[in-house]
């Protein structure tokens, strides 16, 4: 069961963008749950300079098999030219929680 699920990290520039993206991911069953973590400060290289920005971090829970679909979904809706979309495989977790994830993202209405 370990490689079947992943936690996807994605930063957003503001609360409205983060909330809209999180809602769309869950409503469209690309993710079972998205946590929005405000107060993230990102320091990064962009266009030849060091940048600093306040962001929100999304913690997105889904099936690993859904990653490509989730990535394309985010890219279509994200305001950044190169959004952060990083999948971390989940090694362990509650069987009940994993079953709930699969029930949500596996069901298409």
N, C-alpha and C. Protein backbone atom coordinates (compact mmCIF):
# COMPACT_ATOMS: atom_id res chain seq x y z
N UNK A 1 0.82 -1.20 0.00
CA UNK A 1 0.00 0.00 0.00
C UNK A 1 0.86 1.26 0.00
N UNK A 2 2.12 1.15 0.38
CA UNK A 2 2.95 2.33 0.59
C UNK A 2 3.13 3.20 -0.64
N UNK A 3 3.42 2.64 -1.80
CA UNK A 3 3.68 3.45 -2.98
C UNK A 3 2.39 3.86 -3.70
N UNK A 4 1.26 3.46 -3.17
CA UNK A 4 -0.01 3.73 -3.84
C UNK A 4 -0.54 5.15 -3.60
N UNK A 5 0.04 5.85 -2.62
CA UNK A 5 -0.46 7.17 -2.24
C UNK A 5 0.69 8.17 -2.20
N UNK A 6 0.35 9.43 -2.38
CA UNK A 6 1.38 10.45 -2.31
C UNK A 6 0.82 11.73 -1.69
N UNK A 7 1.74 12.50 -1.17
CA UNK A 7 1.47 13.83 -0.65
C UNK A 7 2.09 14.79 -1.65
N UNK A 8 1.29 15.67 -2.19
CA UNK A 8 1.77 16.62 -3.20
C UNK A 8 1.87 18.00 -2.57
N UNK A 9 3.01 18.65 -2.74
CA UNK A 9 3.24 20.00 -2.25
C UNK A 9 3.05 20.99 -3.40
N UNK A 10 2.36 22.08 -3.11
CA UNK A 10 2.16 23.12 -4.12
C UNK A 10 2.00 24.46 -3.39
N UNK A 11 2.78 25.45 -3.78
CA UNK A 11 2.64 26.77 -3.17
C UNK A 11 1.75 27.65 -4.04
N UNK A 12 1.08 28.59 -3.37
CA UNK A 12 0.19 29.54 -4.04
C UNK A 12 0.51 30.94 -3.55
N UNK A 13 0.27 31.96 -4.39
CA UNK A 13 0.66 33.32 -4.03
C UNK A 13 -0.23 33.99 -2.99
N UNK A 14 -1.48 33.53 -2.85
CA UNK A 14 -2.39 34.19 -1.92
C UNK A 14 -3.50 33.23 -1.49
N UNK A 15 -4.25 33.65 -0.47
CA UNK A 15 -5.28 32.79 0.11
C UNK A 15 -6.40 32.48 -0.88
N UNK A 16 -6.79 33.43 -1.68
CA UNK A 16 -7.88 33.20 -2.64
C UNK A 16 -7.48 32.15 -3.67
N UNK A 17 -6.29 32.27 -4.22
CA UNK A 17 -5.80 31.29 -5.19
C UNK A 17 -5.70 29.91 -4.56
N UNK A 18 -5.15 29.85 -3.34
CA UNK A 18 -4.99 28.57 -2.65
C UNK A 18 -6.34 27.91 -2.39
N UNK A 19 -7.30 28.69 -1.91
CA UNK A 19 -8.62 28.15 -1.60
C UNK A 19 -9.33 27.68 -2.86
N UNK A 20 -9.29 28.47 -3.92
CA UNK A 20 -9.95 28.09 -5.18
C UNK A 20 -9.33 26.81 -5.75
N UNK A 21 -8.01 26.71 -5.72
CA UNK A 21 -7.33 25.53 -6.25
C UNK A 21 -7.65 24.31 -5.39
N UNK A 22 -7.61 24.46 -4.08
CA UNK A 22 -7.92 23.35 -3.18
C UNK A 22 -9.34 22.85 -3.40
N UNK A 23 -10.29 23.76 -3.46
CA UNK A 23 -11.69 23.38 -3.71
C UNK A 23 -11.84 22.65 -5.04
N UNK A 24 -11.22 23.18 -6.07
CA UNK A 24 -11.32 22.55 -7.40
C UNK A 24 -10.71 21.15 -7.39
N UNK A 25 -9.59 20.98 -6.71
CA UNK A 25 -8.95 19.66 -6.64
C UNK A 25 -9.86 18.64 -5.97
N UNK A 26 -10.50 19.03 -4.88
CA UNK A 26 -11.37 18.09 -4.15
C UNK A 26 -12.70 17.91 -4.89
N UNK A 27 -13.30 19.01 -5.35
CA UNK A 27 -14.58 18.91 -6.06
C UNK A 27 -14.46 18.05 -7.31
N UNK A 28 -13.34 18.14 -8.00
CA UNK A 28 -13.12 17.37 -9.23
C UNK A 28 -12.44 16.03 -8.97
N UNK A 29 -12.34 15.66 -7.70
CA UNK A 29 -11.84 14.36 -7.26
C UNK A 29 -10.43 14.05 -7.75
N UNK A 30 -9.61 15.09 -7.84
CA UNK A 30 -8.18 14.89 -8.11
C UNK A 30 -7.45 14.62 -6.80
N UNK A 31 -8.04 15.08 -5.69
CA UNK A 31 -7.49 14.90 -4.35
C UNK A 31 -8.63 14.64 -3.39
N UNK A 32 -8.32 13.89 -2.32
CA UNK A 32 -9.34 13.63 -1.30
C UNK A 32 -9.34 14.73 -0.24
N UNK A 33 -8.20 15.35 -0.02
CA UNK A 33 -8.06 16.37 1.01
C UNK A 33 -6.92 17.30 0.64
N UNK A 34 -7.09 18.58 0.92
CA UNK A 34 -6.03 19.56 0.74
C UNK A 34 -5.98 20.44 1.98
N UNK A 35 -4.81 20.49 2.61
CA UNK A 35 -4.61 21.40 3.74
C UNK A 35 -3.94 22.66 3.22
N UNK A 36 -4.41 23.82 3.69
CA UNK A 36 -3.83 25.11 3.33
C UNK A 36 -3.03 25.63 4.52
N UNK A 37 -1.73 25.78 4.32
CA UNK A 37 -0.86 26.27 5.38
C UNK A 37 -0.41 27.69 5.06
N UNK A 38 -0.96 28.69 5.74
CA UNK A 38 -0.57 30.08 5.48
C UNK A 38 0.75 30.41 6.17
N UNK A 39 1.28 31.56 5.83
CA UNK A 39 2.46 32.07 6.53
C UNK A 39 3.78 31.48 6.07
N UNK A 40 3.84 30.95 4.86
CA UNK A 40 5.08 30.40 4.33
C UNK A 40 5.86 31.53 3.66
N UNK A 41 7.14 31.64 3.97
CA UNK A 41 8.01 32.57 3.28
C UNK A 41 8.93 31.75 2.39
N UNK A 42 8.90 32.05 1.09
CA UNK A 42 9.73 31.33 0.14
C UNK A 42 10.85 32.23 -0.36
N UNK A 43 12.04 31.69 -0.38
CA UNK A 43 13.21 32.37 -0.94
C UNK A 43 13.70 31.47 -2.07
N UNK A 44 13.78 32.03 -3.28
CA UNK A 44 14.05 31.20 -4.44
C UNK A 44 14.74 32.01 -5.54
N UNK A 45 15.39 31.30 -6.45
CA UNK A 45 16.00 31.94 -7.60
C UNK A 45 15.01 31.99 -8.75
N UNK A 46 14.85 33.16 -9.36
CA UNK A 46 13.94 33.31 -10.49
C UNK A 46 14.42 34.44 -11.38
N UNK A 47 14.52 34.16 -12.66
CA UNK A 47 14.94 35.13 -13.66
C UNK A 47 16.25 35.82 -13.28
N UNK A 48 17.21 35.02 -12.80
CA UNK A 48 18.54 35.51 -12.51
C UNK A 48 18.71 36.25 -11.19
N UNK A 49 17.67 36.29 -10.37
CA UNK A 49 17.75 37.00 -9.10
C UNK A 49 17.17 36.16 -7.97
N UNK A 50 17.60 36.49 -6.76
CA UNK A 50 17.03 35.86 -5.59
C UNK A 50 15.76 36.63 -5.22
N UNK A 51 14.67 35.90 -5.08
CA UNK A 51 13.37 36.49 -4.78
C UNK A 51 12.91 36.03 -3.39
N UNK A 52 12.02 36.78 -2.80
CA UNK A 52 11.39 36.41 -1.54
C UNK A 52 9.90 36.75 -1.64
N UNK A 53 9.06 35.79 -1.24
CA UNK A 53 7.62 36.02 -1.34
C UNK A 53 6.88 35.28 -0.23
N UNK A 54 5.78 35.87 0.21
CA UNK A 54 4.87 35.19 1.11
C UNK A 54 3.94 34.30 0.29
N UNK A 55 3.75 33.08 0.74
CA UNK A 55 2.92 32.14 0.01
C UNK A 55 2.11 31.28 0.98
N UNK A 56 1.22 30.49 0.43
CA UNK A 56 0.52 29.45 1.18
C UNK A 56 0.97 28.12 0.59
N UNK A 57 1.12 27.13 1.44
CA UNK A 57 1.51 25.80 0.99
C UNK A 57 0.30 24.88 1.04
N UNK A 58 0.04 24.20 -0.07
CA UNK A 58 -1.00 23.20 -0.12
C UNK A 58 -0.39 21.83 0.12
N UNK A 59 -1.01 21.05 1.01
CA UNK A 59 -0.65 19.65 1.22
C UNK A 59 -1.80 18.84 0.63
N UNK A 60 -1.53 18.19 -0.48
CA UNK A 60 -2.57 17.53 -1.26
C UNK A 60 -2.42 16.02 -1.13
N UNK A 61 -3.50 15.35 -0.71
CA UNK A 61 -3.47 13.90 -0.54
C UNK A 61 -4.23 13.23 -1.67
N UNK A 62 -3.54 12.28 -2.36
CA UNK A 62 -4.16 11.59 -3.48
C UNK A 62 -3.50 10.24 -3.70
N UNK A 63 -3.99 9.51 -4.68
CA UNK A 63 -3.36 8.27 -5.10
C UNK A 63 -2.20 8.59 -6.03
N UNK A 64 -1.12 7.84 -5.92
CA UNK A 64 0.04 8.06 -6.78
C UNK A 64 -0.33 7.91 -8.26
N UNK A 65 -1.22 7.00 -8.57
CA UNK A 65 -1.64 6.78 -9.95
C UNK A 65 -2.35 8.00 -10.54
N UNK A 66 -2.83 8.89 -9.70
CA UNK A 66 -3.55 10.09 -10.16
C UNK A 66 -2.63 11.30 -10.32
N UNK A 67 -1.32 11.12 -10.06
CA UNK A 67 -0.43 12.28 -10.05
C UNK A 67 -0.40 13.03 -11.38
N UNK A 68 -0.26 12.34 -12.50
CA UNK A 68 -0.18 13.03 -13.80
C UNK A 68 -1.43 13.86 -14.07
N UNK A 69 -2.58 13.30 -13.74
CA UNK A 69 -3.85 14.00 -13.91
C UNK A 69 -3.91 15.22 -12.99
N UNK A 70 -3.48 15.05 -11.75
CA UNK A 70 -3.47 16.14 -10.78
C UNK A 70 -2.51 17.25 -11.23
N UNK A 71 -1.33 16.86 -11.69
CA UNK A 71 -0.33 17.84 -12.16
C UNK A 71 -0.89 18.67 -13.31
N UNK A 72 -1.50 18.03 -14.29
CA UNK A 72 -2.07 18.76 -15.43
C UNK A 72 -3.19 19.70 -14.97
N UNK A 73 -4.00 19.24 -14.03
CA UNK A 73 -5.10 20.04 -13.48
C UNK A 73 -4.56 21.30 -12.82
N UNK A 74 -3.51 21.15 -12.01
CA UNK A 74 -2.91 22.31 -11.34
C UNK A 74 -2.32 23.27 -12.36
N UNK A 75 -1.56 22.75 -13.31
CA UNK A 75 -0.90 23.61 -14.32
C UNK A 75 -1.91 24.45 -15.10
N UNK A 76 -3.09 23.90 -15.37
CA UNK A 76 -4.12 24.64 -16.11
C UNK A 76 -4.69 25.80 -15.31
N UNK A 77 -4.66 25.71 -13.98
CA UNK A 77 -5.34 26.68 -13.14
C UNK A 77 -4.42 27.57 -12.31
N UNK A 78 -3.15 27.25 -12.26
CA UNK A 78 -2.22 27.97 -11.39
C UNK A 78 -1.70 29.24 -12.05
N UNK A 79 -1.57 30.33 -11.31
CA UNK A 79 -1.10 31.58 -11.91
C UNK A 79 0.41 31.63 -12.18
N UNK A 80 1.19 30.76 -11.55
CA UNK A 80 2.64 30.79 -11.76
C UNK A 80 3.01 30.14 -13.09
N UNK A 81 4.05 30.67 -13.74
CA UNK A 81 4.56 30.06 -14.97
C UNK A 81 5.11 28.66 -14.69
N UNK A 82 5.73 28.50 -13.53
CA UNK A 82 6.30 27.21 -13.13
C UNK A 82 5.85 26.94 -11.68
N UNK A 83 4.66 26.39 -11.50
CA UNK A 83 4.20 26.12 -10.14
C UNK A 83 4.97 24.98 -9.49
N UNK A 84 5.11 25.07 -8.19
CA UNK A 84 5.70 23.96 -7.43
C UNK A 84 4.68 22.83 -7.39
N UNK A 85 5.07 21.68 -7.91
CA UNK A 85 4.23 20.47 -7.86
C UNK A 85 5.19 19.32 -7.58
N UNK A 86 5.28 18.94 -6.31
CA UNK A 86 6.23 17.91 -5.88
C UNK A 86 5.47 16.80 -5.17
N UNK A 87 5.61 15.59 -5.65
CA UNK A 87 4.95 14.44 -5.03
C UNK A 87 5.93 13.68 -4.15
N UNK A 88 5.49 13.41 -2.95
CA UNK A 88 6.28 12.63 -2.00
C UNK A 88 5.53 11.32 -1.75
N UNK A 89 6.16 10.18 -2.03
CA UNK A 89 5.45 8.92 -1.78
C UNK A 89 5.21 8.73 -0.29
N UNK A 90 4.04 8.20 0.03
CA UNK A 90 3.69 7.93 1.43
C UNK A 90 4.09 6.49 1.73
N UNK A 91 4.96 6.33 2.71
CA UNK A 91 5.46 5.00 3.06
C UNK A 91 4.50 4.22 3.95
N UNK A 92 3.85 4.92 4.86
CA UNK A 92 2.92 4.27 5.79
C UNK A 92 1.78 5.19 6.12
N UNK A 93 0.70 4.59 6.60
CA UNK A 93 -0.45 5.37 7.01
C UNK A 93 -1.59 4.46 7.42
N UNK A 94 -2.63 5.07 7.84
CA UNK A 94 -3.82 4.34 8.27
C UNK A 94 -4.51 3.71 7.06
N UNK A 95 -4.79 2.42 7.17
CA UNK A 95 -5.49 1.70 6.10
C UNK A 95 -6.84 2.36 5.84
N UNK A 96 -7.54 2.74 6.90
CA UNK A 96 -8.84 3.39 6.74
C UNK A 96 -8.72 4.72 5.99
N UNK A 97 -7.68 5.48 6.29
CA UNK A 97 -7.47 6.76 5.61
C UNK A 97 -7.18 6.54 4.13
N UNK A 98 -6.32 5.56 3.83
CA UNK A 98 -6.01 5.25 2.43
C UNK A 98 -7.26 4.81 1.67
N UNK A 99 -8.08 4.01 2.30
CA UNK A 99 -9.32 3.55 1.66
C UNK A 99 -10.25 4.73 1.38
N UNK A 100 -10.28 5.69 2.31
CA UNK A 100 -11.10 6.88 2.10
C UNK A 100 -10.58 7.70 0.92
N UNK A 101 -9.25 7.86 0.82
CA UNK A 101 -8.66 8.58 -0.32
C UNK A 101 -9.09 7.90 -1.62
N UNK A 102 -8.91 6.59 -1.68
CA UNK A 102 -9.25 5.86 -2.91
C UNK A 102 -10.74 5.94 -3.24
N UNK A 103 -11.57 5.88 -2.22
CA UNK A 103 -13.01 5.99 -2.45
C UNK A 103 -13.36 7.35 -3.06
N UNK A 104 -12.70 8.40 -2.59
CA UNK A 104 -13.03 9.75 -3.10
C UNK A 104 -12.45 9.99 -4.48
N UNK A 105 -11.17 9.77 -4.67
CA UNK A 105 -10.57 10.10 -5.97
C UNK A 105 -10.89 9.07 -7.04
N UNK A 106 -11.28 7.87 -6.63
CA UNK A 106 -11.61 6.84 -7.60
C UNK A 106 -13.03 6.93 -8.13
N UNK A 107 -13.86 7.73 -7.48
CA UNK A 107 -15.27 7.86 -7.87
C UNK A 107 -15.44 9.08 -8.75
N UNK A 108 -15.96 8.90 -9.92
CA UNK A 108 -16.24 10.03 -10.83
C UNK A 108 -17.75 10.19 -10.94
N UNK A 109 -18.21 11.40 -10.65
CA UNK A 109 -19.66 11.64 -10.75
C UNK A 109 -20.04 12.19 -12.10
